[in-house]
Each structure stands twice: as structure tokens, then as C-alpha cells.
Amino acid sequence: MTGRDITIYDPAKLARDEKRVERGFWRKLPRVLPRIPFADDLLAAYYCARDGATPTYVKALLMGAVAYFVLPTDLLPDFIAVLGFSDDASVLLTAVTTVGGHIKDRHRDQARATLARLAGRG
């Protein structure tokens, strides 16, 4: 058995995370955008996770991180001043650091374009 024969992600969890992100990402992002300094990485991770060319294990890791952002309750509730998004940022940073080589220029370009559009500049 080679490393390629081992599933390193849970397909059921990936499906749950994708549903959670689908339901909540675009509702939450515009509402909290001014308070999250990691929006560019969050969006790049989102676009990479949604890209059909991205390996499934990378999708699973990134989608899990984006799903954590979407969760209405997490380790540090988002409404807590200053600290509210620090756990979200930590989860995302860990995921991006782990599989960042899979986040391509096209994902970062999509993220920048979306941020410009949401800020009313595009």
C-alpha cells in the first residue's frame, strides 16, 4: 500500500463543511469584512477549495478552515472585541501554511477582485 492509497480526509466531513460554507459564507463575509484583517487569505482559501483542480485533501483542509469561520459559535465568539476572530485567523493560518502551495495566483486574484467589489471599487 502506498501513501496514495490512504484517504487522509473524511468525505462525510468534507460534504458537511461544504454545505455549511455554502449556507453561510456569503451571508457572514460582507457583514464582518471591516473587522477581519485576514479576508484576502480567507477568500483565496475559499476559491482554492472550490477549484476543481485542487486535490481533494487540500479542499478538505481549506474547506474545514472556511467552515470554522462560518460557524456561529466557536472557541472565541466573533462579537468579542479584538479577540473574536483570532481563533478563526489561527485556524485559517494553519491551513494556509500547510497547503499554501496549492493556493495559486488565480485564487489570490479572485480574492482581490471580490474584496474590491465588496468594498464598492469594482
Protein backbone atom coordinates (compact mmCIF):
# COMPACT_ATOMS: atom_id res chain seq x y z
CA MET A 1 0.00 0.00 0.00
CA THR A 2 1.34 3.44 -0.92
CA GLY A 3 0.54 6.82 0.65
CA ARG A 4 -1.80 7.47 -2.25
CA ASP A 5 -3.99 4.55 -1.17
CA ILE A 6 -4.78 6.14 2.19
CA THR A 7 -7.66 8.58 2.46
CA ILE A 8 -6.39 11.43 4.62
CA TYR A 9 -9.70 13.23 4.84
CA ASP A 10 -13.22 12.26 5.83
CA PRO A 11 -15.51 12.55 2.78
CA ALA A 12 -18.58 12.92 5.01
CA LYS A 13 -16.97 15.79 6.93
CA LEU A 14 -15.94 17.46 3.69
CA ALA A 15 -19.54 17.27 2.47
CA ARG A 16 -20.81 18.77 5.77
CA ASP A 17 -18.24 21.56 5.62
CA GLU A 18 -19.15 22.34 2.02
CA LYS A 19 -22.82 22.61 2.97
CA ARG A 20 -22.03 24.81 5.97
CA VAL A 21 -19.89 27.10 3.83
CA GLU A 22 -22.49 27.19 1.05
CA ARG A 23 -25.19 28.25 3.54
CA GLY A 24 -23.26 30.84 5.50
CA PHE A 25 -20.09 32.16 3.89
CA TRP A 26 -21.52 34.89 1.67
CA ARG A 27 -24.01 35.97 4.35
CA LYS A 28 -21.31 36.38 7.00
CA LEU A 29 -18.38 37.75 5.00
CA PRO A 30 -19.82 41.16 3.98
CA ARG A 31 -21.14 41.72 7.49
CA VAL A 32 -17.76 41.18 9.21
CA LEU A 33 -15.38 42.23 6.44
CA PRO A 34 -14.29 45.51 8.07
CA ARG A 35 -13.23 43.60 11.21
CA ILE A 36 -11.12 40.82 9.68
CA PRO A 37 -7.61 41.61 8.50
CA PHE A 38 -7.25 38.12 7.00
CA ALA A 39 -10.02 38.49 4.40
CA ASP A 40 -7.65 38.11 1.46
CA ASP A 41 -6.34 34.76 2.73
CA LEU A 42 -9.86 33.64 3.65
CA LEU A 43 -11.16 34.34 0.16
CA ALA A 44 -8.11 32.82 -1.54
CA ALA A 45 -8.61 29.67 0.57
CA TYR A 46 -12.30 29.64 -0.34
CA TYR A 47 -11.58 29.93 -4.07
CA CYS A 48 -8.86 27.28 -3.89
CA ALA A 49 -11.22 24.91 -2.04
CA ARG A 50 -13.89 25.45 -4.71
CA ASP A 51 -11.45 24.91 -7.61
CA GLY A 52 -11.95 21.59 -9.40
CA ALA A 53 -8.20 21.33 -10.00
CA THR A 54 -7.40 21.39 -6.27
CA PRO A 55 -6.59 17.98 -4.76
CA THR A 56 -9.36 16.68 -2.51
CA TYR A 57 -7.23 16.52 0.64
CA VAL A 58 -6.37 20.21 0.16
CA LYS A 59 -10.04 21.05 -0.41
CA ALA A 60 -10.91 19.21 2.80
CA LEU A 61 -8.39 21.14 4.88
CA LEU A 62 -9.24 24.54 3.42
CA MET A 63 -12.99 23.92 3.47
CA GLY A 64 -12.71 22.94 7.14
CA ALA A 65 -10.94 26.21 7.92
CA VAL A 66 -13.52 28.26 5.99
CA ALA A 67 -16.34 26.32 7.67
CA TYR A 68 -14.84 27.19 11.07
CA PHE A 69 -15.07 30.86 10.09
CA VAL A 70 -18.74 30.39 9.19
CA LEU A 71 -19.64 28.64 12.46
CA PRO A 72 -21.92 30.85 14.57
CA THR A 73 -20.27 29.54 17.73
CA ASP A 74 -16.62 28.78 18.06
CA LEU A 75 -13.88 28.89 20.65
CA LEU A 76 -13.93 32.69 20.83
CA PRO A 77 -17.28 34.18 19.75
CA ASP A 78 -16.82 36.69 16.94
CA PHE A 79 -18.55 39.52 18.81
CA ILE A 80 -15.77 39.71 21.45
CA ALA A 81 -13.78 42.85 20.71
CA VAL A 82 -10.23 42.33 19.41
CA LEU A 83 -10.10 38.58 20.19
CA GLY A 84 -13.29 37.48 18.42
CA PHE A 85 -11.69 36.48 15.14
CA SER A 86 -8.28 35.45 16.47
CA ASP A 87 -9.22 31.77 16.63
CA ASP A 88 -10.64 31.95 13.08
CA ALA A 89 -7.40 33.57 11.92
CA SER A 90 -5.32 30.90 13.67
CA VAL A 91 -7.26 28.04 12.07
CA LEU A 92 -7.01 29.68 8.64
CA LEU A 93 -3.29 30.46 9.04
CA THR A 94 -2.58 26.85 9.97
CA ALA A 95 -4.48 25.56 6.94
CA VAL A 96 -2.92 28.06 4.53
CA THR A 97 0.57 27.37 5.89
CA THR A 98 0.03 23.64 5.49
CA VAL A 99 -1.26 23.66 1.90
CA GLY A 100 -0.43 27.19 0.75
CA GLY A 101 1.45 25.94 -2.30
CA HIS A 102 -1.91 24.89 -3.73
CA ILE A 103 -3.32 28.42 -3.45
CA LYS A 104 -2.49 29.78 -6.88
CA ASP A 105 -2.24 33.30 -8.25
CA ARG A 106 -5.68 32.85 -9.83
CA HIS A 107 -7.20 32.21 -6.38
CA ARG A 108 -5.50 35.30 -4.96
CA ASP A 109 -6.62 37.34 -7.99
CA GLN A 110 -10.21 36.20 -7.45
CA ALA A 111 -9.90 37.14 -3.77
CA ARG A 112 -8.62 40.64 -4.58
CA ALA A 113 -11.36 41.18 -7.17
CA THR A 114 -14.03 40.07 -4.72
CA LEU A 115 -12.67 42.33 -1.97
CA ALA A 116 -12.66 45.27 -4.38
CA ARG A 117 -16.24 44.51 -5.41
CA LEU A 118 -17.41 44.17 -1.80
CA ALA A 119 -15.70 47.46 -0.95
CA GLY A 120 -17.54 49.11 -3.85
CA ARG A 121 -14.48 49.55 -6.04
CA GLY A 122 -15.22 47.02 -8.69
